[in-house]
């Protein structure tokens, strides 16, 4: 998975990003053109996924990336929500 600390500066702010290990193979742009764009040397996230279909395509690109240069990072609020949901489930829905 991509290293958040070496993400390329052209990435749109948000959960998905491309890091500096990208080899510009075009896989992500073929699988998720609504999300990924191209510079002269590497891909980047030009627009964060806006729909569930965009997200699905971006996740496919993340999995298919031959160098593991695409990352998806949860925000603090998403992490908090996920933890509280798990806790409610573990407590029987209370």
N, C-alpha and C. Protein backbone atom coordinates (compact mmCIF):
# COMPACT_ATOMS: atom_id res chain seq x y z
N UNK A 1 0.84 -1.19 0.00
CA UNK A 1 0.00 0.00 0.00
C UNK A 1 0.88 1.25 0.00
N UNK A 2 0.34 2.29 -0.54
CA UNK A 2 1.09 3.54 -0.67
C UNK A 2 1.53 4.08 0.69
N UNK A 3 2.63 4.81 0.65
CA UNK A 3 3.14 5.47 1.85
C UNK A 3 2.55 6.88 1.89
N UNK A 4 1.73 7.14 2.88
CA UNK A 4 1.06 8.44 3.00
C UNK A 4 2.07 9.59 3.06
N UNK A 5 3.23 9.35 3.62
CA UNK A 5 4.25 10.40 3.77
C UNK A 5 4.97 10.74 2.47
N UNK A 6 4.87 9.87 1.46
CA UNK A 6 5.52 10.15 0.18
C UNK A 6 4.51 10.35 -0.95
N UNK A 7 3.29 10.74 -0.59
CA UNK A 7 2.27 10.95 -1.62
C UNK A 7 2.67 12.12 -2.52
N UNK A 8 2.25 12.06 -3.77
CA UNK A 8 2.61 13.10 -4.73
C UNK A 8 1.77 14.35 -4.47
N UNK A 9 2.32 15.53 -4.72
CA UNK A 9 1.63 16.77 -4.35
C UNK A 9 0.38 17.07 -5.17
N UNK A 10 0.23 16.47 -6.33
CA UNK A 10 -0.94 16.73 -7.17
C UNK A 10 -2.22 16.07 -6.70
N UNK A 11 -2.13 15.14 -5.75
CA UNK A 11 -3.33 14.45 -5.26
C UNK A 11 -4.37 15.42 -4.72
N UNK A 12 -5.63 15.19 -5.09
CA UNK A 12 -6.72 15.94 -4.49
C UNK A 12 -6.84 15.52 -3.02
N UNK A 13 -7.16 16.45 -2.13
CA UNK A 13 -7.30 16.08 -0.72
C UNK A 13 -8.41 15.03 -0.54
N UNK A 14 -8.18 14.09 0.36
CA UNK A 14 -9.18 13.07 0.64
C UNK A 14 -8.55 11.73 0.96
N UNK A 15 -9.37 10.70 0.92
CA UNK A 15 -8.95 9.38 1.36
C UNK A 15 -8.00 8.66 0.41
N UNK A 16 -8.16 8.81 -0.90
CA UNK A 16 -7.30 8.13 -1.86
C UNK A 16 -6.11 9.00 -2.21
N UNK A 17 -4.95 8.35 -2.42
CA UNK A 17 -3.76 9.08 -2.87
C UNK A 17 -2.83 8.14 -3.61
N UNK A 18 -1.92 8.73 -4.37
CA UNK A 18 -0.86 8.01 -5.07
C UNK A 18 0.45 8.49 -4.47
N UNK A 19 1.40 7.56 -4.26
CA UNK A 19 2.69 7.97 -3.71
C UNK A 19 3.77 8.01 -4.79
N UNK A 20 4.96 8.36 -4.40
CA UNK A 20 6.08 8.60 -5.32
C UNK A 20 6.63 7.33 -5.96
N UNK A 21 6.15 6.15 -5.59
CA UNK A 21 6.62 4.91 -6.20
C UNK A 21 5.91 4.58 -7.51
N UNK A 22 4.95 5.38 -7.90
CA UNK A 22 4.18 5.15 -9.13
C UNK A 22 5.11 5.11 -10.35
N UNK A 23 4.89 4.14 -11.24
CA UNK A 23 5.69 4.00 -12.46
C UNK A 23 4.93 4.45 -13.71
N UNK A 24 3.77 5.06 -13.52
CA UNK A 24 2.98 5.60 -14.63
C UNK A 24 2.59 4.53 -15.64
N UNK A 25 2.12 3.39 -15.14
CA UNK A 25 1.78 2.26 -16.01
C UNK A 25 0.42 2.40 -16.69
N UNK A 26 -0.42 3.29 -16.20
CA UNK A 26 -1.74 3.58 -16.77
C UNK A 26 -2.85 2.67 -16.23
N UNK A 27 -2.54 1.71 -15.38
CA UNK A 27 -3.57 0.79 -14.88
C UNK A 27 -4.68 1.55 -14.16
N UNK A 28 -4.33 2.44 -13.26
CA UNK A 28 -5.35 3.15 -12.48
C UNK A 28 -6.24 4.02 -13.37
N UNK A 29 -5.65 4.65 -14.35
CA UNK A 29 -6.42 5.51 -15.26
C UNK A 29 -7.35 4.70 -16.14
N UNK A 30 -6.96 3.49 -16.48
CA UNK A 30 -7.83 2.62 -17.26
C UNK A 30 -9.00 2.11 -16.43
N UNK A 31 -8.74 1.78 -15.16
CA UNK A 31 -9.78 1.22 -14.30
C UNK A 31 -10.67 2.27 -13.64
N UNK A 32 -10.12 3.46 -13.39
CA UNK A 32 -10.88 4.50 -12.66
C UNK A 32 -10.55 5.88 -13.22
N UNK A 33 -10.94 6.15 -14.46
CA UNK A 33 -10.60 7.44 -15.08
C UNK A 33 -11.24 8.64 -14.40
N UNK A 34 -12.33 8.44 -13.69
CA UNK A 34 -12.98 9.55 -12.98
C UNK A 34 -12.18 9.99 -11.76
N UNK A 35 -11.24 9.16 -11.32
CA UNK A 35 -10.47 9.44 -10.11
C UNK A 35 -9.01 9.77 -10.40
N UNK A 36 -8.39 9.05 -11.33
CA UNK A 36 -6.94 9.18 -11.52
C UNK A 36 -6.60 9.94 -12.80
N UNK A 37 -5.56 10.78 -12.69
CA UNK A 37 -5.05 11.54 -13.81
C UNK A 37 -3.57 11.25 -14.00
N UNK A 38 -2.94 11.99 -14.93
CA UNK A 38 -1.55 11.72 -15.29
C UNK A 38 -0.73 13.01 -15.36
N UNK A 39 0.47 12.95 -14.81
CA UNK A 39 1.47 14.00 -15.03
C UNK A 39 2.46 13.43 -16.05
N UNK A 40 3.55 14.10 -16.27
CA UNK A 40 4.56 13.59 -17.21
C UNK A 40 5.25 12.34 -16.68
N UNK A 41 5.21 12.11 -15.37
CA UNK A 41 6.00 11.01 -14.79
C UNK A 41 5.22 10.02 -13.94
N UNK A 42 4.01 10.34 -13.52
CA UNK A 42 3.27 9.46 -12.62
C UNK A 42 1.79 9.82 -12.61
N UNK A 43 1.01 8.92 -12.01
CA UNK A 43 -0.43 9.16 -11.85
C UNK A 43 -0.68 9.92 -10.55
N UNK A 44 -1.87 10.46 -10.42
CA UNK A 44 -2.28 11.14 -9.19
C UNK A 44 -3.81 11.10 -9.10
N UNK A 45 -4.34 11.39 -7.93
CA UNK A 45 -5.79 11.47 -7.75
C UNK A 45 -6.22 12.87 -8.13
N UNK A 46 -6.90 12.99 -9.27
CA UNK A 46 -7.35 14.33 -9.69
C UNK A 46 -8.68 14.69 -9.05
N UNK A 47 -9.50 13.70 -8.74
CA UNK A 47 -10.80 13.93 -8.09
C UNK A 47 -11.07 12.75 -7.17
N UNK A 48 -11.38 13.02 -5.92
CA UNK A 48 -11.75 11.94 -5.01
C UNK A 48 -13.08 11.33 -5.50
N UNK A 49 -13.26 10.02 -5.31
CA UNK A 49 -14.50 9.38 -5.76
C UNK A 49 -15.74 10.11 -5.22
N UNK A 50 -16.70 10.33 -6.13
CA UNK A 50 -17.91 11.06 -5.77
C UNK A 50 -19.13 10.15 -5.59
N UNK A 51 -19.09 8.97 -6.19
CA UNK A 51 -20.21 8.04 -6.12
C UNK A 51 -19.71 6.68 -5.65
N UNK A 52 -20.63 5.79 -5.34
CA UNK A 52 -20.22 4.44 -4.94
C UNK A 52 -19.55 3.71 -6.10
N UNK A 53 -19.98 3.98 -7.33
CA UNK A 53 -19.33 3.38 -8.50
C UNK A 53 -17.90 3.91 -8.65
N UNK A 54 -17.71 5.21 -8.47
CA UNK A 54 -16.35 5.78 -8.52
C UNK A 54 -15.47 5.13 -7.45
N UNK A 55 -16.00 4.95 -6.26
CA UNK A 55 -15.24 4.33 -5.17
C UNK A 55 -14.89 2.90 -5.51
N UNK A 56 -15.83 2.16 -6.06
CA UNK A 56 -15.58 0.77 -6.44
C UNK A 56 -14.46 0.71 -7.48
N UNK A 57 -14.50 1.58 -8.47
CA UNK A 57 -13.47 1.59 -9.50
C UNK A 57 -12.10 1.98 -8.92
N UNK A 58 -12.09 2.96 -8.02
CA UNK A 58 -10.83 3.36 -7.39
C UNK A 58 -10.25 2.23 -6.54
N UNK A 59 -11.09 1.48 -5.87
CA UNK A 59 -10.62 0.34 -5.09
C UNK A 59 -10.07 -0.76 -5.99
N UNK A 60 -10.70 -0.97 -7.14
CA UNK A 60 -10.17 -1.93 -8.12
C UNK A 60 -8.78 -1.49 -8.56
N UNK A 61 -8.61 -0.20 -8.82
CA UNK A 61 -7.30 0.32 -9.23
C UNK A 61 -6.27 0.12 -8.12
N UNK A 62 -6.67 0.37 -6.89
CA UNK A 62 -5.77 0.17 -5.75
C UNK A 62 -5.29 -1.27 -5.71
N UNK A 63 -6.19 -2.22 -5.88
CA UNK A 63 -5.82 -3.63 -5.84
C UNK A 63 -4.97 -4.05 -7.04
N UNK A 64 -5.21 -3.45 -8.19
CA UNK A 64 -4.51 -3.84 -9.41
C UNK A 64 -3.16 -3.15 -9.59
N UNK A 65 -2.89 -2.10 -8.83
CA UNK A 65 -1.66 -1.33 -9.00
C UNK A 65 -0.45 -2.25 -8.80
N UNK A 66 0.41 -2.39 -9.82
CA UNK A 66 1.53 -3.33 -9.72
C UNK A 66 2.61 -2.91 -8.72
N UNK A 67 2.66 -1.64 -8.37
CA UNK A 67 3.68 -1.18 -7.42
C UNK A 67 3.10 -0.84 -6.05
N UNK A 68 1.80 -1.02 -5.87
CA UNK A 68 1.18 -0.69 -4.58
C UNK A 68 1.28 0.79 -4.27
N UNK A 69 1.19 1.62 -5.29
CA UNK A 69 1.38 3.06 -5.12
C UNK A 69 0.11 3.82 -4.78
N UNK A 70 -1.02 3.14 -4.74
CA UNK A 70 -2.30 3.78 -4.41
C UNK A 70 -2.67 3.43 -2.98
N UNK A 71 -3.06 4.43 -2.22
CA UNK A 71 -3.48 4.20 -0.84
C UNK A 71 -4.85 4.78 -0.58
N UNK A 72 -5.50 4.24 0.43
CA UNK A 72 -6.79 4.76 0.91
C UNK A 72 -6.67 4.86 2.41
N UNK A 73 -6.84 6.06 2.91
CA UNK A 73 -6.66 6.31 4.33
C UNK A 73 -7.96 6.82 4.92
N UNK A 74 -8.34 6.25 6.05
CA UNK A 74 -9.56 6.67 6.72
C UNK A 74 -9.33 7.95 7.49
N UNK A 75 -10.34 8.78 7.52
CA UNK A 75 -10.25 9.99 8.32
C UNK A 75 -10.53 9.64 9.77
N UNK A 76 -10.17 10.52 10.65
CA UNK A 76 -10.39 10.29 12.07
C UNK A 76 -11.87 10.07 12.38
N UNK A 77 -12.74 10.85 11.74
CA UNK A 77 -14.17 10.70 12.01
C UNK A 77 -14.68 9.35 11.53
N UNK A 78 -14.18 8.86 10.37
CA UNK A 78 -14.58 7.54 9.91
C UNK A 78 -14.12 6.46 10.87
N UNK A 79 -12.89 6.59 11.38
CA UNK A 79 -12.36 5.62 12.33
C UNK A 79 -13.22 5.61 13.59
N UNK A 80 -13.57 6.79 14.09
CA UNK A 80 -14.40 6.87 15.29
C UNK A 80 -15.75 6.21 15.04
N UNK A 81 -16.36 6.47 13.88
CA UNK A 81 -17.65 5.87 13.54
C UNK A 81 -17.53 4.36 13.46
N UNK A 82 -16.46 3.87 12.82
CA UNK A 82 -16.28 2.43 12.69
C UNK A 82 -16.14 1.77 14.05
N UNK A 83 -15.35 2.39 14.94
CA UNK A 83 -15.16 1.83 16.27
C UNK A 83 -16.46 1.82 17.06
N UNK A 84 -17.21 2.91 17.00
CA UNK A 84 -18.46 2.96 17.76
C UNK A 84 -19.47 1.97 17.21
N UNK A 85 -19.48 1.75 15.90
CA UNK A 85 -20.38 0.76 15.30
C UNK A 85 -20.03 -0.64 15.77
N UNK A 86 -18.73 -0.95 15.78
CA UNK A 86 -18.30 -2.26 16.26
C UNK A 86 -18.65 -2.45 17.73
N UNK A 87 -18.46 -1.42 18.52
CA UNK A 87 -18.79 -1.50 19.93
C UNK A 87 -20.29 -1.75 20.13
N UNK A 88 -21.14 -1.03 19.40
CA UNK A 88 -22.59 -1.25 19.51
C UNK A 88 -22.94 -2.68 19.13
N UNK A 89 -22.34 -3.18 18.06
CA UNK A 89 -22.61 -4.56 17.63
C UNK A 89 -22.19 -5.55 18.70
N UNK A 90 -21.04 -5.32 19.30
CA UNK A 90 -20.53 -6.23 20.33
C UNK A 90 -21.41 -6.19 21.58
N UNK A 91 -22.09 -5.06 21.80
CA UNK A 91 -22.94 -4.91 22.98
C UNK A 91 -24.39 -5.29 22.67
N UNK A 92 -24.63 -5.93 21.54
CA UNK A 92 -25.97 -6.36 21.21
C UNK A 92 -26.86 -5.24 20.68
N UNK A 93 -26.29 -4.22 20.06
CA UNK A 93 -27.08 -3.16 19.44
C UNK A 93 -27.51 -2.06 20.38
N UNK A 94 -27.00 -2.02 21.61
CA UNK A 94 -27.37 -0.98 22.56
C UNK A 94 -26.82 0.36 22.18
